[in-house]
Protein backbone atom coordinates (compact mmCIF):
# COMPACT_ATOMS: atom_id res chain seq x y z
CA MET A 1 11.15 -14.35 -19.77
CA THR A 2 9.11 -11.26 -20.44
CA ALA A 3 9.71 -8.11 -18.43
CA ILE A 4 6.67 -6.78 -16.57
CA ALA A 5 5.60 -3.11 -16.41
CA TYR A 6 3.75 -2.17 -13.25
CA THR A 7 2.26 1.32 -13.35
CA VAL A 8 0.76 3.28 -10.46
CA ILE A 9 -1.31 6.33 -11.39
CA ALA A 10 -2.13 8.76 -8.58
CA GLU A 11 -4.61 11.62 -8.72
CA THR A 12 -5.81 14.37 -6.42
CA ASN A 13 -7.49 17.73 -6.71
CA SER A 14 -4.82 19.34 -4.50
CA GLU A 15 -1.53 20.70 -5.85
CA ALA A 16 -0.03 20.61 -2.35
CA THR A 17 -0.99 16.96 -1.94
CA MET A 18 0.54 16.06 -5.31
CA ARG A 19 3.76 17.87 -4.39
CA ALA A 20 3.89 15.94 -1.10
CA TYR A 21 3.32 12.66 -2.96
CA VAL A 22 6.01 13.33 -5.58
CA ASP A 23 8.43 14.35 -2.82
CA TRP A 24 7.68 11.12 -0.93
CA LEU A 25 8.24 9.03 -4.07
CA SER A 26 11.49 10.83 -4.89
CA SER A 27 12.87 10.78 -1.36
CA GLY A 28 12.86 7.03 -0.95
CA HIS A 29 9.75 5.12 -1.99
CA ILE A 30 10.88 4.52 -5.57
CA ARG A 31 14.30 3.41 -4.32
CA ASP A 32 12.56 1.02 -1.89
CA VAL A 33 10.55 -0.56 -4.73
CA ILE A 34 13.75 -1.02 -6.74
CA GLU A 35 15.42 -2.60 -3.72
CA GLY A 36 12.31 -4.81 -3.45
CA GLY A 37 12.83 -6.22 -6.94
CA ALA A 38 12.10 -3.68 -9.70
CA GLN A 39 14.83 -3.16 -12.28
CA SER A 40 13.95 0.45 -13.01
CA ALA A 41 11.39 3.16 -12.43
CA THR A 42 10.19 6.26 -14.25
CA LEU A 43 8.28 9.02 -12.45
CA ILE A 44 6.14 11.32 -14.59
CA ARG A 45 4.24 14.35 -13.34
CA LEU A 46 1.37 14.49 -15.81
CA ASP A 47 0.07 17.82 -17.10
CA LYS A 48 -2.96 19.15 -15.26
CA SER A 49 -6.06 17.80 -16.96
CA GLU A 50 -9.21 19.60 -18.05
CA ASP A 51 -11.01 18.23 -15.00
CA GLY A 52 -8.55 20.08 -12.75
CA MET A 53 -7.01 16.92 -11.30
CA HIS A 54 -3.30 16.62 -10.58
CA ARG A 55 -1.79 13.29 -11.63
CA ALA A 56 1.50 11.45 -11.40
CA GLU A 57 2.49 8.11 -12.86
CA VAL A 58 5.26 5.76 -11.79
CA ARG A 59 6.18 2.90 -14.10
CA TYR A 60 8.27 0.16 -12.57
CA VAL A 61 9.83 -2.57 -14.69
CA PHE A 62 10.41 -6.01 -13.21
CA GLY A 63 12.57 -8.60 -14.96
CA SER A 64 9.85 -11.23 -14.97
CA ARG A 65 6.40 -12.03 -13.67
CA ASN A 66 8.06 -14.15 -10.96
CA ALA A 67 10.07 -11.12 -9.82
CA PHE A 68 6.90 -9.02 -9.69
CA GLU A 69 5.01 -11.72 -7.78
CA ALA A 70 7.86 -11.98 -5.25
CA TYR A 71 7.65 -8.20 -4.79
CA GLU A 72 3.86 -8.37 -4.33
CA ALA A 73 4.15 -11.20 -1.78
CA GLY A 74 6.85 -9.46 0.23
CA PRO A 75 8.05 -5.85 0.14
CA ALA A 76 4.90 -4.43 -1.50
CA MET A 77 2.78 -5.03 1.59
CA ALA A 78 4.77 -2.75 3.90
CA LEU A 79 5.39 -0.16 1.18
CA ARG A 80 1.67 0.09 0.39
CA GLU A 81 0.81 0.38 4.08
CA ASP A 82 3.16 3.36 4.29
CA GLY A 83 1.51 4.96 1.25
CA ILE A 84 -1.98 4.39 2.65
CA ARG A 85 -0.94 5.89 5.98
CA LEU A 86 0.35 9.02 4.23
CA PHE A 87 -2.08 9.34 1.30
CA GLY A 88 -5.07 7.09 2.01
CA PRO A 89 -8.66 8.13 2.74
CA GLN A 90 -7.99 8.82 6.42
CA SER A 91 -4.91 10.98 5.80
CA GLU A 92 -4.47 14.71 5.47
CA HIS A 93 -3.40 14.26 1.82
CA THR A 94 -5.90 11.93 0.15
CA ILE A 95 -4.94 10.49 -3.23
CA GLY A 96 -6.79 8.04 -5.46
CA PHE A 97 -4.76 5.26 -7.09
CA ARG A 98 -5.08 3.09 -10.20
CA ARG A 99 -2.67 0.33 -11.12
CA THR A 100 -1.93 -1.47 -14.37
CA LEU A 101 0.20 -4.52 -15.10
CA GLY A 102 1.39 -5.90 -18.41
CA GLY A 103 4.18 -7.53 -20.36
CA VAL A 104 6.77 -5.30 -22.02
CA VAL A 105 6.58 -5.86 -25.79
CA SER A 106 9.50 -3.66 -26.87
CA VAL A 107 11.78 -0.91 -25.66
CA LEU A 108 13.08 1.57 -28.24
CA PRO A 109 15.96 4.01 -27.80
């Protein structure tokens, strides 16, 4: 069984919006994803880029593709709805999201 890395990259042109997003992740959302099936999570506030965008990345690791698919079919739906309500196009704090998914090849100390 290969572990699966699921990464969510968020970006906005507003520092205040990024702070609100990171606070939301840290105050419960990451814990909720772990309770929904992830084994671990890493939150990274990326350095401000040349284009002036503020970015954050969360990498969740699931024990297997089956564990990730169970998360997607269940807890992910409600958790994403909450994120869209707070940070989607109709919210006060709009954030764009990209997601990646792949098998973990190795983990080094």
